[in-house]
Amino acid sequence: GDVAMGDAGSQQAANEARAAMVVRQHAQEIMKHLRDTHLPFFLETERFVVEITRSFKPTHEQQLQHIIATLVDSVSNRDLSASVSAADAERIHSTLHDHFVTLEQQLELERTKAAQAAKDPP
C-alpha cells in the first residue's frame, strides 16, 4: 500500500513539474513576443514584475520554514526502518544544499547593499 502511495505521489510531483515547465515555456514565449513587438510595454511589464517580486518576497525565516517542511514531508512519507538509497540521499542533500546556498547568497547581497548604503548615503 505505501509503495503505491509513494508511486502516486511521485507521479503527481512529476505531473506538477511538467505542468510548471509548460507554463514557464508559455510565459517565455509571451514575453519574447512582447519584447519583439511592444518594447515599451515589455519594459514596463518587466519593471512591474520585479517590483511585485521584491514586495512579496518571502523572508529568510519563511524560506527556511519551507526547506524544513519539505524535508519533513519527504521523510514522513518514508518507511524509517528501511535504508535510504544513495540516490535519494544525494537528492535530499543536493536540494538542501541548493536552498542554503541561495539563502547565503541573499544574505551576502543584503550585507553588501547595507554596507554600500552606509558608505554612500543618499
Foldseek 3Di string as FASTA:
>chain_A
DLVVVVVVVVVVVVVVVVVVVVVVVVVVVVLVVCCVPPVVVSVVVVVVVVVVCVVPPDDLVVLVVVLVVVVCVVVVSDDVVDDDDPVRVVVNVVVVVVSVVVSVVVVVVVVVVVVVCVVDPD
